[in-house]
PDB file of N, CA and C in Angstrom:
ATOM      1  N   UNK A   1      12.956  11.533  10.285  1.00  0.00           N
ATOM      2  CA  UNK A   1      12.936  12.472   9.186  1.00  0.00           C
ATOM      3  C   UNK A   1      12.998  11.731   7.847  1.00  0.00           C
ATOM      4  N   UNK A   2      13.744  10.648   7.822  1.00  0.00           N
ATOM      5  CA  UNK A   2      13.860   9.871   6.588  1.00  0.00           C
ATOM      6  C   UNK A   2      12.509   9.236   6.247  1.00  0.00           C
ATOM      7  N   UNK A   3      11.845   8.698   7.259  1.00  0.00           N
ATOM      8  CA  UNK A   3      10.536   8.087   7.036  1.00  0.00           C
ATOM      9  C   UNK A   3       9.536   9.132   6.545  1.00  0.00           C
ATOM     10  N   UNK A   4       9.559  10.310   7.127  1.00  0.00           N
ATOM     11  CA  UNK A   4       8.672  11.388   6.679  1.00  0.00           C
ATOM     12  C   UNK A   4       8.954  11.787   5.239  1.00  0.00           C
ATOM     13  N   UNK A   5      10.233  11.852   4.891  1.00  0.00           N
ATOM     14  CA  UNK A   5      10.601  12.174   3.510  1.00  0.00           C
ATOM     15  C   UNK A   5      10.154  11.105   2.530  1.00  0.00           C
ATOM     16  N   UNK A   6      10.268   9.842   2.940  1.00  0.00           N
ATOM     17  CA  UNK A   6       9.822   8.749   2.073  1.00  0.00           C
ATOM     18  C   UNK A   6       8.318   8.790   1.867  1.00  0.00           C
ATOM     19  N   UNK A   7       7.575   9.069   2.921  1.00  0.00           N
ATOM     20  CA  UNK A   7       6.121   9.188   2.806  1.00  0.00           C
ATOM     21  C   UNK A   7       5.756  10.365   1.910  1.00  0.00           C
ATOM     22  N   UNK A   8       6.481  11.452   2.026  1.00  0.00           N
ATOM     23  CA  UNK A   8       6.235  12.624   1.180  1.00  0.00           C
ATOM     24  C   UNK A   8       6.464  12.293  -0.291  1.00  0.00           C
ATOM     25  N   UNK A   9       7.553  11.600  -0.591  1.00  0.00           N
ATOM     26  CA  UNK A   9       7.853  11.228  -1.975  1.00  0.00           C
ATOM     27  C   UNK A   9       6.796  10.269  -2.514  1.00  0.00           C
ATOM     28  N   UNK A  10       6.371   9.300  -1.709  1.00  0.00           N
ATOM     29  CA  UNK A  10       5.308   8.387  -2.140  1.00  0.00           C
ATOM     30  C   UNK A  10       4.012   9.143  -2.413  1.00  0.00           C
ATOM     31  N   UNK A  11       3.705  10.119  -1.573  1.00  0.00           N
ATOM     32  CA  UNK A  11       2.515  10.933  -1.796  1.00  0.00           C
ATOM     33  C   UNK A  11       2.593  11.702  -3.106  1.00  0.00           C
ATOM     34  N   UNK A  12       3.744  12.238  -3.416  1.00  0.00           N
ATOM     35  CA  UNK A  12       3.922  12.943  -4.689  1.00  0.00           C
ATOM     36  C   UNK A  12       3.771  12.000  -5.879  1.00  0.00           C
ATOM     37  N   UNK A  13       4.309  10.790  -5.746  1.00  0.00           N
ATOM     38  CA  UNK A  13       4.179   9.822  -6.838  1.00  0.00           C
ATOM     39  C   UNK A  13       2.725   9.429  -7.066  1.00  0.00           C
ATOM     40  N   UNK A  14       1.988   9.178  -5.974  1.00  0.00           N
ATOM     41  CA  UNK A  14       0.582   8.821  -6.117  1.00  0.00           C
ATOM     42  C   UNK A  14      -0.231   9.980  -6.679  1.00  0.00           C
ATOM     43  N   UNK A  15       0.096  11.191  -6.282  1.00  0.00           N
ATOM     44  CA  UNK A  15      -0.628  12.359  -6.787  1.00  0.00           C
ATOM     45  C   UNK A  15      -0.368  12.572  -8.278  1.00  0.00           C
ATOM     46  N   UNK A  16       0.821  12.165  -8.751  1.00  0.00           N
ATOM     47  CA  UNK A  16       1.141  12.349 -10.165  1.00  0.00           C
ATOM     48  C   UNK A  16       0.578  11.221 -11.033  1.00  0.00           C
ATOM     49  N   UNK A  17      -0.021  10.211 -10.423  1.00  0.00           N
ATOM     50  CA  UNK A  17      -0.666   9.163 -11.202  1.00  0.00           C
ATOM     51  C   UNK A  17       0.132   7.882 -11.333  1.00  0.00           C
ATOM     52  N   UNK A  18       1.262   7.776 -10.640  1.00  0.00           N
ATOM     53  CA  UNK A  18       2.054   6.548 -10.687  1.00  0.00           C
ATOM     54  C   UNK A  18       1.327   5.482  -9.879  1.00  0.00           C
ATOM     55  N   UNK A  19       1.202   4.292 -10.457  1.00  0.00           N
ATOM     56  CA  UNK A  19       0.482   3.211  -9.780  1.00  0.00           C
ATOM     57  C   UNK A  19       1.440   2.068  -9.455  1.00  0.00           C
ATOM     58  N   UNK A  20       1.210   1.434  -8.321  1.00  0.00           N
ATOM     59  CA  UNK A  20       1.986   0.261  -7.952  1.00  0.00           C
ATOM     60  C   UNK A  20       1.396  -0.971  -8.635  1.00  0.00           C
ATOM     61  N   UNK A  21       2.218  -1.949  -8.962  1.00  0.00           N
ATOM     62  CA  UNK A  21       1.703  -3.146  -9.646  1.00  0.00           C
ATOM     63  C   UNK A  21       1.068  -4.147  -8.681  1.00  0.00           C
ATOM     64  N   UNK A  22       0.188  -3.682  -7.790  1.00  0.00           N
ATOM     65  CA  UNK A  22      -0.418  -4.553  -6.796  1.00  0.00           C
ATOM     66  C   UNK A  22      -1.910  -4.747  -6.996  1.00  0.00           C
ATOM     67  N   UNK A  23      -2.473  -4.228  -8.039  1.00  0.00           N
ATOM     68  CA  UNK A  23      -3.913  -4.291  -8.207  1.00  0.00           C
ATOM     69  C   UNK A  23      -4.431  -5.666  -8.570  1.00  0.00           C
ATOM     70  N   UNK A  24      -5.632  -5.950  -8.161  1.00  0.00           N
ATOM     71  CA  UNK A  24      -6.366  -7.163  -8.511  1.00  0.00           C
ATOM     72  C   UNK A  24      -5.678  -8.449  -8.093  1.00  0.00           C
ATOM     73  N   UNK A  25      -5.314  -8.526  -6.844  1.00  0.00           N
ATOM     74  CA  UNK A  25      -4.804  -9.770  -6.297  1.00  0.00           C
ATOM     75  C   UNK A  25      -5.977 -10.691  -5.985  1.00  0.00           C
ATOM     76  N   UNK A  26      -5.743 -11.991  -5.903  1.00  0.00           N
ATOM     77  CA  UNK A  26      -6.826 -12.886  -5.502  1.00  0.00           C
ATOM     78  C   UNK A  26      -7.324 -12.499  -4.107  1.00  0.00           C
ATOM     79  N   UNK A  27      -8.607 -12.357  -3.953  1.00  0.00           N
ATOM     80  CA  UNK A  27      -9.179 -11.930  -2.691  1.00  0.00           C
ATOM     81  C   UNK A  27      -9.685 -10.501  -2.729  1.00  0.00           C
ATOM     82  N   UNK A  28      -9.241  -9.715  -3.712  1.00  0.00           N
ATOM     83  CA  UNK A  28      -9.777  -8.370  -3.900  1.00  0.00           C
ATOM     84  C   UNK A  28     -11.182  -8.490  -4.485  1.00  0.00           C
ATOM     85  N   UNK A  29     -12.057  -7.620  -4.073  1.00  0.00           N
ATOM     86  CA  UNK A  29     -13.447  -7.664  -4.524  1.00  0.00           C
ATOM     87  C   UNK A  29     -13.641  -6.656  -5.647  1.00  0.00           C
ATOM     88  N   UNK A  30     -14.182  -7.114  -6.771  1.00  0.00           N
ATOM     89  CA  UNK A  30     -14.470  -6.239  -7.908  1.00  0.00           C
ATOM     90  C   UNK A  30     -15.925  -6.460  -8.309  1.00  0.00           C
ATOM     91  N   UNK A  31     -16.703  -5.376  -8.307  1.00  0.00           N
ATOM     92  CA  UNK A  31     -18.098  -5.422  -8.735  1.00  0.00           C
ATOM     93  C   UNK A  31     -18.216  -4.545  -9.968  1.00  0.00           C
ATOM     94  N   UNK A  32     -18.647  -5.132 -11.084  1.00  0.00           N
ATOM     95  CA  UNK A  32     -18.800  -4.363 -12.319  1.00  0.00           C
ATOM     96  C   UNK A  32     -20.241  -4.466 -12.794  1.00  0.00           C
ATOM     97  N   UNK A  33     -20.833  -3.332 -13.018  1.00  0.00           N
ATOM     98  CA  UNK A  33     -22.190  -3.245 -13.555  1.00  0.00           C
ATOM     99  C   UNK A  33     -22.124  -2.434 -14.841  1.00  0.00           C
ATOM    100  N   UNK A  34     -23.270  -2.091 -15.382  1.00  0.00           N
ATOM    101  CA  UNK A  34     -23.327  -1.398 -16.664  1.00  0.00           C
ATOM    102  C   UNK A  34     -22.547  -0.075 -16.645  1.00  0.00           C
ATOM    103  N   UNK A  35     -22.864   0.834 -15.746  1.00  0.00           N
ATOM    104  CA  UNK A  35     -22.176   2.129 -15.662  1.00  0.00           C
ATOM    105  C   UNK A  35     -21.503   2.313 -14.319  1.00  0.00           C
ATOM    106  N   UNK A  36     -21.048   1.226 -13.706  1.00  0.00           N
ATOM    107  CA  UNK A  36     -20.541   1.298 -12.346  1.00  0.00           C
ATOM    108  C   UNK A  36     -19.447   0.252 -12.152  1.00  0.00           C
ATOM    109  N   UNK A  37     -18.377   0.643 -11.479  1.00  0.00           N
ATOM    110  CA  UNK A  37     -17.303  -0.289 -11.155  1.00  0.00           C
ATOM    111  C   UNK A  37     -16.798   0.005  -9.752  1.00  0.00           C
ATOM    112  N   UNK A  38     -16.736  -1.027  -8.910  1.00  0.00           N
ATOM    113  CA  UNK A  38     -16.287  -0.890  -7.528  1.00  0.00           C
ATOM    114  C   UNK A  38     -15.164  -1.883  -7.287  1.00  0.00           C
ATOM    115  N   UNK A  39     -14.030  -1.388  -6.816  1.00  0.00           N
ATOM    116  CA  UNK A  39     -12.881  -2.241  -6.529  1.00  0.00           C
ATOM    117  C   UNK A  39     -12.535  -2.064  -5.060  1.00  0.00           C
ATOM    118  N   UNK A  40     -12.619  -3.151  -4.280  1.00  0.00           N
ATOM    119  CA  UNK A  40     -12.286  -3.126  -2.857  1.00  0.00           C
ATOM    120  C   UNK A  40     -11.046  -4.007  -2.671  1.00  0.00           C
ATOM    121  N   UNK A  41      -9.868  -3.403  -2.492  1.00  0.00           N
ATOM    122  CA  UNK A  41      -8.609  -4.159  -2.467  1.00  0.00           C
ATOM    123  C   UNK A  41      -8.278  -4.728  -1.080  1.00  0.00           C
ATOM    124  N   UNK A  42      -9.038  -5.715  -0.616  1.00  0.00           N
ATOM    125  CA  UNK A  42      -8.830  -6.270   0.716  1.00  0.00           C
ATOM    126  C   UNK A  42      -7.470  -6.960   0.817  1.00  0.00           C
ATOM    127  N   UNK A  43      -7.156  -7.845  -0.104  1.00  0.00           N
ATOM    128  CA  UNK A  43      -5.893  -8.581  -0.055  1.00  0.00           C
ATOM    129  C   UNK A  43      -4.705  -7.640  -0.224  1.00  0.00           C
ATOM    130  N   UNK A  44      -4.832  -6.662  -1.087  1.00  0.00           N
ATOM    131  CA  UNK A  44      -3.754  -5.695  -1.293  1.00  0.00           C
ATOM    132  C   UNK A  44      -3.482  -4.919  -0.014  1.00  0.00           C
ATOM    133  N   UNK A  45      -4.525  -4.500   0.672  1.00  0.00           N
ATOM    134  CA  UNK A  45      -4.359  -3.769   1.936  1.00  0.00           C
ATOM    135  C   UNK A  45      -3.703  -4.649   2.997  1.00  0.00           C
ATOM    136  N   UNK A  46      -4.099  -5.916   3.075  1.00  0.00           N
ATOM    137  CA  UNK A  46      -3.489  -6.826   4.040  1.00  0.00           C
ATOM    138  C   UNK A  46      -2.010  -7.050   3.730  1.00  0.00           C
ATOM    139  N   UNK A  47      -1.672  -7.172   2.461  1.00  0.00           N
ATOM    140  CA  UNK A  47      -0.274  -7.363   2.060  1.00  0.00           C
ATOM    141  C   UNK A  47       0.566  -6.140   2.412  1.00  0.00           C
ATOM    142  N   UNK A  48       0.072  -4.960   2.102  1.00  0.00           N
ATOM    143  CA  UNK A  48       0.801  -3.726   2.412  1.00  0.00           C
ATOM    144  C   UNK A  48       0.958  -3.575   3.915  1.00  0.00           C
ATOM    145  N   UNK A  49      -0.080  -3.892   4.672  1.00  0.00           N
ATOM    146  CA  UNK A  49      -0.023  -3.799   6.125  1.00  0.00           C
ATOM    147  C   UNK A  49       1.003  -4.766   6.710  1.00  0.00           C
ATOM    148  N   UNK A  50       1.043  -5.981   6.209  1.00  0.00           N
ATOM    149  CA  UNK A  50       2.004  -6.969   6.708  1.00  0.00           C
ATOM    150  C   UNK A  50       3.440  -6.549   6.413  1.00  0.00           C
ATOM    151  N   UNK A  51       3.681  -6.051   5.215  1.00  0.00           N
ATOM    152  CA  UNK A  51       5.034  -5.604   4.850  1.00  0.00           C
ATOM    153  C   UNK A  51       5.436  -4.389   5.688  1.00  0.00           C
ATOM    154  N   UNK A  52       4.530  -3.440   5.857  1.00  0.00           N
ATOM    155  CA  UNK A  52       4.838  -2.252   6.663  1.00  0.00           C
ATOM    156  C   UNK A  52       5.097  -2.637   8.117  1.00  0.00           C
ATOM    157  N   UNK A  53       4.315  -3.558   8.666  1.00  0.00           N
ATOM    158  CA  UNK A  53       4.520  -4.002  10.047  1.00  0.00           C
ATOM    159  C   UNK A  53       5.875  -4.690  10.205  1.00  0.00           C
ATOM    160  N   UNK A  54       6.234  -5.529   9.246  1.00  0.00           N
ATOM    161  CA  UNK A  54       7.526  -6.212   9.309  1.00  0.00           C
ATOM    162  C   UNK A  54       8.681  -5.215   9.225  1.00  0.00           C
ATOM    163  N   UNK A  55       8.569  -4.236   8.351  1.00  0.00           N
ATOM    164  CA  UNK A  55       9.628  -3.225   8.228  1.00  0.00           C
ATOM    165  C   UNK A  55       9.756  -2.386   9.490  1.00  0.00           C
ATOM    166  N   UNK A  56       8.631  -1.995  10.072  1.00  0.00           N
ATOM    167  CA  UNK A  56       8.682  -1.200  11.296  1.00  0.00           C
ATOM    168  C   UNK A  56       9.213  -2.015  12.478  1.00  0.00           C
ATOM    169  N   UNK A  57       8.883  -3.298  12.546  1.00  0.00           N
ATOM    170  CA  UNK A  57       9.427  -4.163  13.593  1.00  0.00           C
ATOM    171  C   UNK A  57      10.943  -4.285  13.443  1.00  0.00           C
ATOM    172  N   UNK A  58      11.393  -4.504  12.225  1.00  0.00           N
ATOM    173  CA  UNK A  58      12.823  -4.598  11.965  1.00  0.00           C
ATOM    174  C   UNK A  58      13.536  -3.296  12.309  1.00  0.00           C
ATOM    175  N   UNK A  59      12.932  -2.191  11.917  1.00  0.00           N
ATOM    176  CA  UNK A  59      13.517  -0.878  12.210  1.00  0.00           C
ATOM    177  C   UNK A  59      13.588  -0.626  13.712  1.00  0.00           C
ATOM    178  N   UNK A  60      12.541  -0.990  14.448  1.00  0.00           N
ATOM    179  CA  UNK A  60      12.549  -0.764  15.898  1.00  0.00           C
ATOM    180  C   UNK A  60      13.587  -1.634  16.587  1.00  0.00           C
ATOM    181  N   UNK A  61      13.783  -2.865  16.098  1.00  0.00           N
ATOM    182  CA  UNK A  61      14.793  -3.732  16.692  1.00  0.00           C
ATOM    183  C   UNK A  61      16.192  -3.237  16.380  1.00  0.00           C
ATOM    184  N   UNK A  62      16.410  -2.676  15.207  1.00  0.00           N
ATOM    185  CA  UNK A  62      17.721  -2.144  14.852  1.00  0.00           C
ATOM    186  C   UNK A  62      18.040  -0.888  15.655  1.00  0.00           C
ATOM    187  N   UNK A  63      17.034  -0.093  15.968  1.00  0.00           N
ATOM    188  CA  UNK A  63      17.263   1.153  16.702  1.00  0.00           C
ATOM    189  C   UNK A  63      17.467   0.915  18.204  1.00  0.00           C
ATOM    190  N   UNK A  64      17.016  -0.225  18.720  1.00  0.00           N
ATOM    191  CA  UNK A  64      17.198  -0.526  20.141  1.00  0.00           C
ATOM    192  C   UNK A  64      18.637  -0.879  20.475  1.00  0.00           C
ATOM    193  N   UNK A  65      19.399  -1.303  19.522  1.00  0.00           N
ATOM    194  CA  UNK A  65      20.785  -1.716  19.771  1.00  0.00           C
ATOM    195  C   UNK A  65      21.675  -0.578  20.067  1.00  0.00           C
TER     196      UNK A  65
END
């Protein structure tokens, strides 16, 4: 329930326009043209995935005790 509540709060923050300071890391792809801009955050996604995996692993090990 706590995890669901945290996800809900994060969703509300993102919907209100709050941004995390993770944009434009080295490895992210940015294509800018005259009237077009494309940002593909590959490194940012990998970083978020690694942190989330580590937290979930830690949480699962704590709950097994």
